[in-house]
PDB file of N, CA and C in Angstrom:
ATOM      1  N   UNK A   1     -21.185 -50.958 -18.460  1.00  0.00           N
ATOM      2  CA  UNK A   1     -20.637 -49.749 -19.288  1.00  0.00           C
ATOM      3  C   UNK A   1     -20.139 -48.817 -18.095  1.00  0.00           C
ATOM      4  N   UNK A   2     -19.112 -48.414 -18.387  1.00  0.00           N
ATOM      5  CA  UNK A   2     -18.253 -47.505 -17.377  1.00  0.00           C
ATOM      6  C   UNK A   2     -18.888 -46.086 -17.349  1.00  0.00           C
ATOM      7  N   UNK A   3     -18.860 -45.441 -16.043  1.00  0.00           N
ATOM      8  CA  UNK A   3     -19.427 -44.081 -15.897  1.00  0.00           C
ATOM      9  C   UNK A   3     -18.495 -43.287 -16.481  1.00  0.00           C
ATOM     10  N   UNK A   4     -18.910 -42.070 -17.037  1.00  0.00           N
ATOM     11  CA  UNK A   4     -18.012 -41.141 -17.742  1.00  0.00           C
ATOM     12  C   UNK A   4     -17.013 -40.510 -16.605  1.00  0.00           C
ATOM     13  N   UNK A   5     -15.870 -40.162 -16.866  1.00  0.00           N
ATOM     14  CA  UNK A   5     -14.958 -39.497 -16.190  1.00  0.00           C
ATOM     15  C   UNK A   5     -15.354 -38.131 -15.748  1.00  0.00           C
ATOM     16  N   UNK A   6     -15.368 -37.863 -14.348  1.00  0.00           N
ATOM     17  CA  UNK A   6     -15.756 -36.439 -13.958  1.00  0.00           C
ATOM     18  C   UNK A   6     -14.520 -35.718 -14.094  1.00  0.00           C
ATOM     19  N   UNK A   7     -14.707 -34.530 -14.667  1.00  0.00           N
ATOM     20  CA  UNK A   7     -13.647 -33.527 -14.801  1.00  0.00           C
ATOM     21  C   UNK A   7     -14.084 -32.222 -14.110  1.00  0.00           C
ATOM     22  N   UNK A   8     -13.509 -31.785 -13.210  1.00  0.00           N
ATOM     23  CA  UNK A   8     -13.748 -30.339 -12.587  1.00  0.00           C
ATOM     24  C   UNK A   8     -13.624 -29.352 -13.702  1.00  0.00           C
ATOM     25  N   UNK A   9     -14.356 -28.300 -13.400  1.00  0.00           N
ATOM     26  CA  UNK A   9     -14.309 -27.172 -14.351  1.00  0.00           C
ATOM     27  C   UNK A   9     -13.140 -26.334 -14.022  1.00  0.00           C
ATOM     28  N   UNK A  10     -12.126 -26.679 -14.402  1.00  0.00           N
ATOM     29  CA  UNK A  10     -10.701 -25.986 -14.258  1.00  0.00           C
ATOM     30  C   UNK A  10     -10.684 -24.973 -15.572  1.00  0.00           C
ATOM     31  N   UNK A  11     -10.780 -23.718 -15.498  1.00  0.00           N
ATOM     32  CA  UNK A  11     -10.763 -23.000 -16.682  1.00  0.00           C
ATOM     33  C   UNK A  11      -9.503 -22.953 -17.420  1.00  0.00           C
ATOM     34  N   UNK A  12      -9.556 -23.351 -18.744  1.00  0.00           N
ATOM     35  CA  UNK A  12      -8.333 -23.412 -19.485  1.00  0.00           C
ATOM     36  C   UNK A  12      -7.827 -22.008 -19.682  1.00  0.00           C
ATOM     37  N   UNK A  13      -6.602 -21.832 -19.753  1.00  0.00           N
ATOM     38  CA  UNK A  13      -5.969 -20.495 -20.133  1.00  0.00           C
ATOM     39  C   UNK A  13      -6.260 -19.939 -21.284  1.00  0.00           C
ATOM     40  N   UNK A  14      -6.424 -20.903 -22.388  1.00  0.00           N
ATOM     41  CA  UNK A  14      -6.779 -20.336 -23.612  1.00  0.00           C
ATOM     42  C   UNK A  14      -8.318 -19.801 -23.722  1.00  0.00           C
ATOM     43  N   UNK A  15      -9.164 -20.587 -23.089  1.00  0.00           N
ATOM     44  CA  UNK A  15     -10.586 -20.224 -23.003  1.00  0.00           C
ATOM     45  C   UNK A  15     -10.746 -18.843 -22.107  1.00  0.00           C
ATOM     46  N   UNK A  16      -9.876 -18.579 -21.240  1.00  0.00           N
ATOM     47  CA  UNK A  16      -9.875 -17.210 -20.598  1.00  0.00           C
ATOM     48  C   UNK A  16      -9.717 -15.991 -21.394  1.00  0.00           C
ATOM     49  N   UNK A  17      -9.095 -16.277 -22.525  1.00  0.00           N
ATOM     50  CA  UNK A  17      -8.706 -15.171 -23.586  1.00  0.00           C
ATOM     51  C   UNK A  17      -9.837 -14.368 -23.919  1.00  0.00           C
ATOM     52  N   UNK A  18     -11.208 -15.033 -23.983  1.00  0.00           N
ATOM     53  CA  UNK A  18     -12.336 -14.214 -24.611  1.00  0.00           C
ATOM     54  C   UNK A  18     -12.968 -13.468 -23.527  1.00  0.00           C
ATOM     55  N   UNK A  19     -12.606 -13.512 -22.274  1.00  0.00           N
ATOM     56  CA  UNK A  19     -13.349 -12.900 -21.142  1.00  0.00           C
ATOM     57  C   UNK A  19     -13.215 -11.479 -21.288  1.00  0.00           C
ATOM     58  N   UNK A  20     -14.609 -10.882 -21.082  1.00  0.00           N
ATOM     59  CA  UNK A  20     -14.506  -9.296 -21.272  1.00  0.00           C
ATOM     60  C   UNK A  20     -13.773  -8.589 -20.161  1.00  0.00           C
ATOM     61  N   UNK A  21     -13.841  -9.167 -18.888  1.00  0.00           N
ATOM     62  CA  UNK A  21     -13.038  -8.458 -17.991  1.00  0.00           C
ATOM     63  C   UNK A  21     -11.493  -8.503 -18.312  1.00  0.00           C
ATOM     64  N   UNK A  22     -11.049  -9.625 -18.926  1.00  0.00           N
ATOM     65  CA  UNK A  22      -9.663  -9.909 -19.265  1.00  0.00           C
ATOM     66  C   UNK A  22      -9.310  -8.784 -20.339  1.00  0.00           C
ATOM     67  N   UNK A  23     -10.308  -8.578 -21.189  1.00  0.00           N
ATOM     68  CA  UNK A  23      -9.918  -7.536 -22.259  1.00  0.00           C
ATOM     69  C   UNK A  23      -9.822  -6.246 -21.563  1.00  0.00           C
ATOM     70  N   UNK A  24     -10.568  -5.890 -20.652  1.00  0.00           N
ATOM     71  CA  UNK A  24     -10.443  -4.574 -19.851  1.00  0.00           C
ATOM     72  C   UNK A  24      -9.103  -4.491 -19.152  1.00  0.00           C
ATOM     73  N   UNK A  25      -8.520  -5.694 -18.583  1.00  0.00           N
ATOM     74  CA  UNK A  25      -7.270  -5.572 -18.176  1.00  0.00           C
ATOM     75  C   UNK A  25      -6.175  -5.389 -19.142  1.00  0.00           C
ATOM     76  N   UNK A  26      -6.354  -5.930 -20.297  1.00  0.00           N
ATOM     77  CA  UNK A  26      -5.422  -5.723 -21.337  1.00  0.00           C
ATOM     78  C   UNK A  26      -5.347  -4.157 -21.800  1.00  0.00           C
ATOM     79  N   UNK A  27      -6.476  -3.552 -21.896  1.00  0.00           N
ATOM     80  CA  UNK A  27      -6.564  -2.089 -22.065  1.00  0.00           C
ATOM     81  C   UNK A  27      -5.890  -1.336 -21.182  1.00  0.00           C
ATOM     82  N   UNK A  28      -6.046  -1.697 -19.776  1.00  0.00           N
ATOM     83  CA  UNK A  28      -5.464  -0.897 -18.924  1.00  0.00           C
ATOM     84  C   UNK A  28      -3.870  -1.144 -18.834  1.00  0.00           C
ATOM     85  N   UNK A  29      -3.468  -2.355 -19.179  1.00  0.00           N
ATOM     86  CA  UNK A  29      -2.035  -2.392 -19.362  1.00  0.00           C
ATOM     87  C   UNK A  29      -1.454  -1.620 -20.470  1.00  0.00           C
ATOM     88  N   UNK A  30      -2.186  -1.579 -21.456  1.00  0.00           N
ATOM     89  CA  UNK A  30      -1.699  -0.703 -22.651  1.00  0.00           C
ATOM     90  C   UNK A  30      -1.807   0.709 -22.325  1.00  0.00           C
ATOM     91  N   UNK A  31      -3.005   1.147 -21.553  1.00  0.00           N
ATOM     92  CA  UNK A  31      -2.848   2.642 -21.146  1.00  0.00           C
ATOM     93  C   UNK A  31      -1.593   2.872 -20.167  1.00  0.00           C
ATOM     94  N   UNK A  32      -1.247   1.883 -19.359  1.00  0.00           N
ATOM     95  CA  UNK A  32      -0.222   2.158 -18.546  1.00  0.00           C
ATOM     96  C   UNK A  32       1.044   2.227 -19.171  1.00  0.00           C
ATOM     97  N   UNK A  33       1.235   1.541 -20.307  1.00  0.00           N
ATOM     98  CA  UNK A  33       2.406   1.643 -20.979  1.00  0.00           C
ATOM     99  C   UNK A  33       2.591   3.161 -21.763  1.00  0.00           C
ATOM    100  N   UNK A  34       1.323   3.299 -22.253  1.00  0.00           N
ATOM    101  CA  UNK A  34       1.201   4.617 -23.029  1.00  0.00           C
ATOM    102  C   UNK A  34       1.430   5.784 -22.121  1.00  0.00           C
ATOM    103  N   UNK A  35       1.381   5.636 -20.871  1.00  0.00           N
ATOM    104  CA  UNK A  35       1.496   6.849 -20.031  1.00  0.00           C
ATOM    105  C   UNK A  35       2.944   7.413 -20.006  1.00  0.00           C
ATOM    106  N   UNK A  36       3.881   6.554 -20.497  1.00  0.00           N
ATOM    107  CA  UNK A  36       5.220   7.011 -20.545  1.00  0.00           C
ATOM    108  C   UNK A  36       5.416   8.160 -21.651  1.00  0.00           C
ATOM    109  N   UNK A  37       4.406   7.992 -22.660  1.00  0.00           N
ATOM    110  CA  UNK A  37       4.445   8.938 -23.930  1.00  0.00           C
ATOM    111  C   UNK A  37       3.413  10.067 -23.747  1.00  0.00           C
ATOM    112  N   UNK A  38       2.429   9.765 -22.986  1.00  0.00           N
ATOM    113  CA  UNK A  38       1.369  10.782 -22.926  1.00  0.00           C
ATOM    114  C   UNK A  38       1.379  11.523 -21.601  1.00  0.00           C
ATOM    115  N   UNK A  39       2.479  11.445 -20.861  1.00  0.00           N
ATOM    116  CA  UNK A  39       2.672  12.283 -19.627  1.00  0.00           C
ATOM    117  C   UNK A  39       1.868  11.678 -18.378  1.00  0.00           C
ATOM    118  N   UNK A  40       1.346  10.384 -18.498  1.00  0.00           N
ATOM    119  CA  UNK A  40       0.708   9.752 -17.297  1.00  0.00           C
ATOM    120  C   UNK A  40      -0.922   9.966 -17.467  1.00  0.00           C
ATOM    121  N   UNK A  41      -1.395  10.722 -18.482  1.00  0.00           N
ATOM    122  CA  UNK A  41      -2.897  10.928 -18.481  1.00  0.00           C
ATOM    123  C   UNK A  41      -3.439   9.516 -18.801  1.00  0.00           C
ATOM    124  N   UNK A  42      -2.959   8.573 -19.703  1.00  0.00           N
ATOM    125  CA  UNK A  42      -3.688   7.341 -19.837  1.00  0.00           C
ATOM    126  C   UNK A  42      -3.438   6.547 -18.714  1.00  0.00           C
ATOM    127  N   UNK A  43      -2.523   6.571 -17.856  1.00  0.00           N
ATOM    128  CA  UNK A  43      -2.341   5.959 -16.581  1.00  0.00           C
ATOM    129  C   UNK A  43      -3.321   6.165 -15.787  1.00  0.00           C
ATOM    130  N   UNK A  44      -3.782   7.401 -15.655  1.00  0.00           N
ATOM    131  CA  UNK A  44      -4.897   7.979 -14.835  1.00  0.00           C
ATOM    132  C   UNK A  44      -6.296   7.262 -15.391  1.00  0.00           C
ATOM    133  N   UNK A  45      -6.374   7.317 -16.764  1.00  0.00           N
ATOM    134  CA  UNK A  45      -7.709   6.748 -17.270  1.00  0.00           C
ATOM    135  C   UNK A  45      -7.635   5.273 -16.873  1.00  0.00           C
ATOM    136  N   UNK A  46      -6.611   4.686 -16.963  1.00  0.00           N
ATOM    137  CA  UNK A  46      -6.648   3.227 -16.739  1.00  0.00           C
ATOM    138  C   UNK A  46      -6.912   2.843 -15.269  1.00  0.00           C
ATOM    139  N   UNK A  47      -6.425   3.673 -14.413  1.00  0.00           N
ATOM    140  CA  UNK A  47      -6.788   3.367 -12.930  1.00  0.00           C
ATOM    141  C   UNK A  47      -8.276   3.790 -12.537  1.00  0.00           C
ATOM    142  N   UNK A  48      -8.645   4.801 -13.303  1.00  0.00           N
ATOM    143  CA  UNK A  48     -10.255   5.066 -13.210  1.00  0.00           C
ATOM    144  C   UNK A  48     -10.986   3.864 -13.611  1.00  0.00           C
ATOM    145  N   UNK A  49     -10.465   3.148 -14.725  1.00  0.00           N
ATOM    146  CA  UNK A  49     -11.377   2.053 -15.116  1.00  0.00           C
ATOM    147  C   UNK A  49     -11.141   1.112 -14.289  1.00  0.00           C
ATOM    148  N   UNK A  50     -10.050   0.637 -13.569  1.00  0.00           N
ATOM    149  CA  UNK A  50      -9.890  -0.284 -12.701  1.00  0.00           C
ATOM    150  C   UNK A  50     -11.016  -0.036 -11.374  1.00  0.00           C
ATOM    151  N   UNK A  51     -10.986   1.072 -10.885  1.00  0.00           N
ATOM    152  CA  UNK A  51     -11.974   1.365  -9.759  1.00  0.00           C
ATOM    153  C   UNK A  51     -13.378   1.239 -10.085  1.00  0.00           C
ATOM    154  N   UNK A  52     -13.763   1.742 -11.419  1.00  0.00           N
ATOM    155  CA  UNK A  52     -15.081   1.607 -11.964  1.00  0.00           C
ATOM    156  C   UNK A  52     -15.532   0.202 -11.941  1.00  0.00           C
ATOM    157  N   UNK A  53     -14.724  -0.615 -12.630  1.00  0.00           N
ATOM    158  CA  UNK A  53     -14.823  -2.125 -12.833  1.00  0.00           C
ATOM    159  C   UNK A  53     -14.499  -2.987 -11.817  1.00  0.00           C
ATOM    160  N   UNK A  54     -14.134  -2.584 -10.735  1.00  0.00           N
ATOM    161  CA  UNK A  54     -13.692  -3.453  -9.671  1.00  0.00           C
ATOM    162  C   UNK A  54     -14.629  -4.478  -9.079  1.00  0.00           C
ATOM    163  N   UNK A  55     -15.913  -4.033  -8.864  1.00  0.00           N
ATOM    164  CA  UNK A  55     -16.941  -4.710  -8.413  1.00  0.00           C
ATOM    165  C   UNK A  55     -17.452  -5.892  -9.455  1.00  0.00           C
ATOM    166  N   UNK A  56     -17.191  -5.582 -10.811  1.00  0.00           N
ATOM    167  CA  UNK A  56     -17.475  -6.716 -11.733  1.00  0.00           C
ATOM    168  C   UNK A  56     -16.476  -7.908 -11.819  1.00  0.00           C
ATOM    169  N   UNK A  57     -15.253  -7.514 -11.205  1.00  0.00           N
ATOM    170  CA  UNK A  57     -14.314  -8.640 -11.309  1.00  0.00           C
ATOM    171  C   UNK A  57     -14.002  -9.228  -9.913  1.00  0.00           C
ATOM    172  N   UNK A  58     -14.740  -8.779  -8.906  1.00  0.00           N
ATOM    173  CA  UNK A  58     -14.545  -9.233  -7.553  1.00  0.00           C
ATOM    174  C   UNK A  58     -14.780 -10.702  -7.547  1.00  0.00           C
ATOM    175  N   UNK A  59     -13.785 -11.463  -6.971  1.00  0.00           N
ATOM    176  CA  UNK A  59     -13.903 -12.957  -6.998  1.00  0.00           C
ATOM    177  C   UNK A  59     -13.386 -13.705  -8.095  1.00  0.00           C
ATOM    178  N   UNK A  60     -12.901 -13.022  -9.117  1.00  0.00           N
ATOM    179  CA  UNK A  60     -12.524 -13.686 -10.400  1.00  0.00           C
ATOM    180  C   UNK A  60     -10.922 -13.652 -10.486  1.00  0.00           C
ATOM    181  N   UNK A  61     -10.414 -14.369 -11.361  1.00  0.00           N
ATOM    182  CA  UNK A  61      -8.921 -14.352 -11.368  1.00  0.00           C
ATOM    183  C   UNK A  61      -8.383 -13.014 -11.960  1.00  0.00           C
ATOM    184  N   UNK A  62      -9.312 -12.188 -12.700  1.00  0.00           N
ATOM    185  CA  UNK A  62      -8.916 -11.022 -13.071  1.00  0.00           C
ATOM    186  C   UNK A  62      -8.686  -9.938 -11.981  1.00  0.00           C
ATOM    187  N   UNK A  63      -9.420 -10.178 -10.844  1.00  0.00           N
ATOM    188  CA  UNK A  63      -9.146  -9.147  -9.689  1.00  0.00           C
ATOM    189  C   UNK A  63      -7.655  -8.985  -9.204  1.00  0.00           C
ATOM    190  N   UNK A  64      -6.996 -10.029  -9.190  1.00  0.00           N
ATOM    191  CA  UNK A  64      -5.589  -9.880  -8.961  1.00  0.00           C
ATOM    192  C   UNK A  64      -4.788  -8.785  -9.943  1.00  0.00           C
ATOM    193  N   UNK A  65      -5.239  -8.900 -11.104  1.00  0.00           N
ATOM    194  CA  UNK A  65      -4.599  -7.894 -12.197  1.00  0.00           C
ATOM    195  C   UNK A  65      -4.904  -6.521 -11.850  1.00  0.00           C
ATOM    196  N   UNK A  66      -6.223  -6.378 -11.596  1.00  0.00           N
ATOM    197  CA  UNK A  66      -6.787  -4.945 -11.322  1.00  0.00           C
ATOM    198  C   UNK A  66      -6.004  -4.457 -10.056  1.00  0.00           C
ATOM    199  N   UNK A  67      -5.883  -5.287  -9.098  1.00  0.00           N
ATOM    200  CA  UNK A  67      -5.219  -4.780  -7.698  1.00  0.00           C
ATOM    201  C   UNK A  67      -3.724  -4.530  -8.171  1.00  0.00           C
ATOM    202  N   UNK A  68      -3.154  -5.292  -9.041  1.00  0.00           N
ATOM    203  CA  UNK A  68      -1.853  -5.122  -9.431  1.00  0.00           C
ATOM    204  C   UNK A  68      -1.611  -3.738 -10.211  1.00  0.00           C
ATOM    205  N   UNK A  69      -2.540  -3.377 -11.043  1.00  0.00           N
ATOM    206  CA  UNK A  69      -2.592  -2.370 -11.731  1.00  0.00           C
ATOM    207  C   UNK A  69      -2.753  -0.952 -11.087  1.00  0.00           C
ATOM    208  N   UNK A  70      -3.740  -1.203  -9.932  1.00  0.00           N
ATOM    209  CA  UNK A  70      -3.902  -0.059  -9.130  1.00  0.00           C
ATOM    210  C   UNK A  70      -2.775   0.280  -8.261  1.00  0.00           C
ATOM    211  N   UNK A  71      -2.013  -0.711  -7.796  1.00  0.00           N
ATOM    212  CA  UNK A  71      -0.833  -0.582  -6.783  1.00  0.00           C
ATOM    213  C   UNK A  71       0.375  -0.123  -7.649  1.00  0.00           C
ATOM    214  N   UNK A  72       0.285  -0.399  -8.923  1.00  0.00           N
ATOM    215  CA  UNK A  72       1.313   0.103  -9.910  1.00  0.00           C
ATOM    216  C   UNK A  72       1.274   1.524 -10.045  1.00  0.00           C
ATOM    217  N   UNK A  73      -0.162   1.879 -10.316  1.00  0.00           N
ATOM    218  CA  UNK A  73      -0.225   3.327 -10.549  1.00  0.00           C
ATOM    219  C   UNK A  73       0.010   4.187  -9.392  1.00  0.00           C
ATOM    220  N   UNK A  74      -0.472   3.794  -8.152  1.00  0.00           N
ATOM    221  CA  UNK A  74      -0.372   4.690  -7.059  1.00  0.00           C
ATOM    222  C   UNK A  74       1.192   4.641  -6.637  1.00  0.00           C
ATOM    223  N   UNK A  75       1.805   3.600  -6.423  1.00  0.00           N
ATOM    224  CA  UNK A  75       3.260   3.544  -5.985  1.00  0.00           C
ATOM    225  C   UNK A  75       4.141   4.277  -7.059  1.00  0.00           C
ATOM    226  N   UNK A  76       3.738   4.077  -8.337  1.00  0.00           N
ATOM    227  CA  UNK A  76       4.399   4.769  -9.338  1.00  0.00           C
ATOM    228  C   UNK A  76       4.312   6.253  -9.267  1.00  0.00           C
ATOM    229  N   UNK A  77       3.048   6.815  -8.977  1.00  0.00           N
ATOM    230  CA  UNK A  77       2.864   8.133  -8.865  1.00  0.00           C
ATOM    231  C   UNK A  77       3.568   8.859  -7.715  1.00  0.00           C
ATOM    232  N   UNK A  78       3.495   8.039  -6.596  1.00  0.00           N
ATOM    233  CA  UNK A  78       4.200   8.332  -5.241  1.00  0.00           C
ATOM    234  C   UNK A  78       5.742   8.639  -5.646  1.00  0.00           C
ATOM    235  N   UNK A  79       6.433   7.849  -6.061  1.00  0.00           N
ATOM    236  CA  UNK A  79       7.667   7.927  -6.229  1.00  0.00           C
ATOM    237  C   UNK A  79       8.226   8.788  -7.505  1.00  0.00           C
ATOM    238  N   UNK A  80       7.245   8.902  -8.321  1.00  0.00           N
ATOM    239  CA  UNK A  80       7.531   9.908  -9.553  1.00  0.00           C
ATOM    240  C   UNK A  80       7.447  11.360  -8.747  1.00  0.00           C
ATOM    241  N   UNK A  81       6.549  11.557  -7.970  1.00  0.00           N
ATOM    242  CA  UNK A  81       6.528  13.044  -7.303  1.00  0.00           C
ATOM    243  C   UNK A  81       7.689  13.103  -6.563  1.00  0.00           C
ATOM    244  N   UNK A  82       8.071  11.988  -5.695  1.00  0.00           N
ATOM    245  CA  UNK A  82       9.290  12.229  -4.976  1.00  0.00           C
ATOM    246  C   UNK A  82      10.643  12.467  -5.728  1.00  0.00           C
ATOM    247  N   UNK A  83      10.662  11.668  -7.028  1.00  0.00           N
ATOM    248  CA  UNK A  83      11.828  11.941  -8.002  1.00  0.00           C
ATOM    249  C   UNK A  83      11.847  13.325  -8.596  1.00  0.00           C
ATOM    250  N   UNK A  84      10.575  13.935  -8.845  1.00  0.00           N
ATOM    251  CA  UNK A  84      10.688  15.146  -9.531  1.00  0.00           C
ATOM    252  C   UNK A  84      11.008  16.112  -8.378  1.00  0.00           C
ATOM    253  N   UNK A  85      10.398  16.104  -7.194  1.00  0.00           N
ATOM    254  CA  UNK A  85      10.757  16.942  -6.109  1.00  0.00           C
ATOM    255  C   UNK A  85      12.408  17.083  -5.819  1.00  0.00           C
ATOM    256  N   UNK A  86      12.912  15.710  -5.952  1.00  0.00           N
ATOM    257  CA  UNK A  86      14.462  15.745  -5.596  1.00  0.00           C
ATOM    258  C   UNK A  86      15.350  15.838  -6.746  1.00  0.00           C
ATOM    259  N   UNK A  87      14.953  16.183  -8.028  1.00  0.00           N
ATOM    260  CA  UNK A  87      15.716  16.342  -8.985  1.00  0.00           C
ATOM    261  C   UNK A  87      16.871  17.461  -8.876  1.00  0.00           C
ATOM    262  N   UNK A  88      16.595  18.419  -8.219  1.00  0.00           N
ATOM    263  CA  UNK A  88      17.584  19.450  -7.873  1.00  0.00           C
ATOM    264  C   UNK A  88      18.656  18.916  -7.149  1.00  0.00           C
ATOM    265  N   UNK A  89      18.497  17.859  -6.388  1.00  0.00           N
ATOM    266  CA  UNK A  89      19.765  17.442  -5.611  1.00  0.00           C
ATOM    267  C   UNK A  89      20.168  16.138  -6.199  1.00  0.00           C
ATOM    268  N   UNK A  90      20.006  15.935  -7.453  1.00  0.00           N
ATOM    269  CA  UNK A  90      20.596  14.847  -8.473  1.00  0.00           C
ATOM    270  C   UNK A  90      20.035  13.468  -8.117  1.00  0.00           C
ATOM    271  N   UNK A  91      19.753  13.206  -6.810  1.00  0.00           N
ATOM    272  CA  UNK A  91      19.206  11.738  -6.498  1.00  0.00           C
ATOM    273  C   UNK A  91      17.877  11.597  -7.193  1.00  0.00           C
ATOM    274  N   UNK A  92      17.130  12.509  -7.592  1.00  0.00           N
ATOM    275  CA  UNK A  92      15.840  12.644  -8.054  1.00  0.00           C
ATOM    276  C   UNK A  92      15.859  11.842  -9.462  1.00  0.00           C
ATOM    277  N   UNK A  93      16.962  12.202 -10.071  1.00  0.00           N
ATOM    278  CA  UNK A  93      17.043  11.463 -11.404  1.00  0.00           C
ATOM    279  C   UNK A  93      17.269   9.971 -11.362  1.00  0.00           C
ATOM    280  N   UNK A  94      17.887   9.550 -10.410  1.00  0.00           N
ATOM    281  CA  UNK A  94      18.046   8.078 -10.001  1.00  0.00           C
ATOM    282  C   UNK A  94      16.746   7.516  -9.549  1.00  0.00           C
ATOM    283  N   UNK A  95      16.030   8.236  -8.834  1.00  0.00           N
ATOM    284  CA  UNK A  95      14.594   7.678  -8.375  1.00  0.00           C
ATOM    285  C   UNK A  95      13.765   7.589  -9.601  1.00  0.00           C
ATOM    286  N   UNK A  96      13.826   8.559 -10.436  1.00  0.00           N
ATOM    287  CA  UNK A  96      12.960   8.571 -11.548  1.00  0.00           C
ATOM    288  C   UNK A  96      13.442   7.315 -12.603  1.00  0.00           C
ATOM    289  N   UNK A  97      14.563   7.123 -12.866  1.00  0.00           N
ATOM    290  CA  UNK A  97      15.089   6.136 -13.559  1.00  0.00           C
ATOM    291  C   UNK A  97      14.491   4.837 -12.884  1.00  0.00           C
ATOM    292  N   UNK A  98      14.714   4.510 -11.574  1.00  0.00           N
ATOM    293  CA  UNK A  98      14.291   3.433 -10.863  1.00  0.00           C
ATOM    294  C   UNK A  98      12.879   3.113 -11.065  1.00  0.00           C
ATOM    295  N   UNK A  99      12.172   4.173 -10.838  1.00  0.00           N
ATOM    296  CA  UNK A  99      10.623   3.820 -10.838  1.00  0.00           C
ATOM    297  C   UNK A  99      10.345   3.471 -12.124  1.00  0.00           C
ATOM    298  N   UNK A 100      10.815   4.353 -13.380  1.00  0.00           N
ATOM    299  CA  UNK A 100      10.446   3.910 -14.618  1.00  0.00           C
ATOM    300  C   UNK A 100      10.708   2.369 -14.864  1.00  0.00           C
ATOM    301  N   UNK A 101      11.865   1.947 -14.494  1.00  0.00           N
ATOM    302  CA  UNK A 101      12.243   0.534 -14.882  1.00  0.00           C
ATOM    303  C   UNK A 101      11.158  -0.313 -13.925  1.00  0.00           C
ATOM    304  N   UNK A 102      10.903  -0.067 -12.609  1.00  0.00           N
ATOM    305  CA  UNK A 102       9.966  -0.699 -11.901  1.00  0.00           C
ATOM    306  C   UNK A 102       8.663  -0.877 -12.487  1.00  0.00           C
ATOM    307  N   UNK A 103       8.043   0.250 -12.938  1.00  0.00           N
ATOM    308  CA  UNK A 103       6.733   0.247 -13.717  1.00  0.00           C
ATOM    309  C   UNK A 103       6.686  -0.501 -15.062  1.00  0.00           C
ATOM    310  N   UNK A 104       7.738  -0.479 -15.868  1.00  0.00           N
ATOM    311  CA  UNK A 104       7.923  -1.404 -17.122  1.00  0.00           C
ATOM    312  C   UNK A 104       7.913  -2.893 -16.609  1.00  0.00           C
ATOM    313  N   UNK A 105       8.747  -3.085 -15.551  1.00  0.00           N
ATOM    314  CA  UNK A 105       8.645  -4.545 -15.051  1.00  0.00           C
ATOM    315  C   UNK A 105       7.321  -4.947 -14.604  1.00  0.00           C
ATOM    316  N   UNK A 106       6.547  -4.163 -13.902  1.00  0.00           N
ATOM    317  CA  UNK A 106       5.410  -4.603 -13.403  1.00  0.00           C
ATOM    318  C   UNK A 106       4.337  -4.634 -14.547  1.00  0.00           C
ATOM    319  N   UNK A 107       4.491  -3.798 -15.687  1.00  0.00           N
ATOM    320  CA  UNK A 107       3.461  -3.800 -16.786  1.00  0.00           C
ATOM    321  C   UNK A 107       3.782  -5.231 -17.479  1.00  0.00           C
ATOM    322  N   UNK A 108       4.912  -5.500 -17.721  1.00  0.00           N
ATOM    323  CA  UNK A 108       5.314  -6.664 -18.490  1.00  0.00           C
ATOM    324  C   UNK A 108       4.920  -7.838 -17.830  1.00  0.00           C
ATOM    325  N   UNK A 109       5.258  -8.067 -16.404  1.00  0.00           N
ATOM    326  CA  UNK A 109       4.946  -9.188 -15.654  1.00  0.00           C
ATOM    327  C   UNK A 109       3.595  -9.307 -15.583  1.00  0.00           C
ATOM    328  N   UNK A 110       2.836  -8.346 -15.344  1.00  0.00           N
ATOM    329  CA  UNK A 110       1.249  -8.541 -15.335  1.00  0.00           C
ATOM    330  C   UNK A 110       0.618  -8.858 -16.817  1.00  0.00           C
ATOM    331  N   UNK A 111       1.248  -8.265 -17.781  1.00  0.00           N
ATOM    332  CA  UNK A 111       0.610  -8.542 -19.054  1.00  0.00           C
ATOM    333  C   UNK A 111       0.958 -10.047 -19.495  1.00  0.00           C
ATOM    334  N   UNK A 112       2.122 -10.525 -19.145  1.00  0.00           N
ATOM    335  CA  UNK A 112       2.482 -11.859 -19.527  1.00  0.00           C
ATOM    336  C   UNK A 112       1.787 -12.781 -18.688  1.00  0.00           C
ATOM    337  N   UNK A 113       1.359 -12.559 -17.380  1.00  0.00           N
ATOM    338  CA  UNK A 113       0.700 -13.311 -16.620  1.00  0.00           C
ATOM    339  C   UNK A 113      -1.007 -13.464 -17.094  1.00  0.00           C
ATOM    340  N   UNK A 114      -1.437 -12.200 -17.529  1.00  0.00           N
ATOM    341  CA  UNK A 114      -2.657 -12.188 -17.958  1.00  0.00           C
ATOM    342  C   UNK A 114      -2.734 -13.002 -19.288  1.00  0.00           C
ATOM    343  N   UNK A 115      -1.961 -12.877 -20.277  1.00  0.00           N
ATOM    344  CA  UNK A 115      -1.786 -13.552 -21.676  1.00  0.00           C
ATOM    345  C   UNK A 115      -1.673 -15.181 -21.235  1.00  0.00           C
ATOM    346  N   UNK A 116      -1.167 -15.493 -20.266  1.00  0.00           N
ATOM    347  CA  UNK A 116      -0.970 -16.960 -19.845  1.00  0.00           C
ATOM    348  C   UNK A 116      -2.331 -17.418 -19.093  1.00  0.00           C
ATOM    349  N   UNK A 117      -3.196 -16.640 -18.675  1.00  0.00           N
ATOM    350  CA  UNK A 117      -4.414 -16.850 -18.133  1.00  0.00           C
ATOM    351  C   UNK A 117      -4.260 -17.060 -16.546  1.00  0.00           C
ATOM    352  N   UNK A 118      -3.144 -16.559 -15.949  1.00  0.00           N
ATOM    353  CA  UNK A 118      -2.866 -16.687 -14.649  1.00  0.00           C
ATOM    354  C   UNK A 118      -3.006 -15.433 -13.953  1.00  0.00           C
ATOM    355  N   UNK A 119      -3.056 -15.651 -12.496  1.00  0.00           N
ATOM    356  CA  UNK A 119      -3.139 -14.401 -11.589  1.00  0.00           C
ATOM    357  C   UNK A 119      -1.830 -13.985 -11.433  1.00  0.00           C
ATOM    358  N   UNK A 120      -1.643 -12.698 -10.934  1.00  0.00           N
ATOM    359  CA  UNK A 120      -0.285 -12.072 -10.858  1.00  0.00           C
ATOM    360  C   UNK A 120       0.120 -12.621  -9.423  1.00  0.00           C
TER     361      UNK A 120
END
């Protein structure tokens, strides 16, 4: 009788969809997207969730998404402030447009990777 084949425990992306930490990352991506309509308050709530739950996701595949979301928030905030301050000299409007496109790109890229069960 042949021995059963050994299969390493490689997590299936479909199985990863029920992970509670994954669901938190989904919520934060949604909050980041809503921040365009709610004046950034939901983005702030999302980054607070990231910081509070960071210890729970340490060493998991979700950690890269939390770091991605945190960087998106802080870099977006920095360039938004720079854009607002420089709107009087016209270049600020281009900065605001550029940062909006960049934030949307990062939300979409991160959410698609999360949906596929991959790290960012």
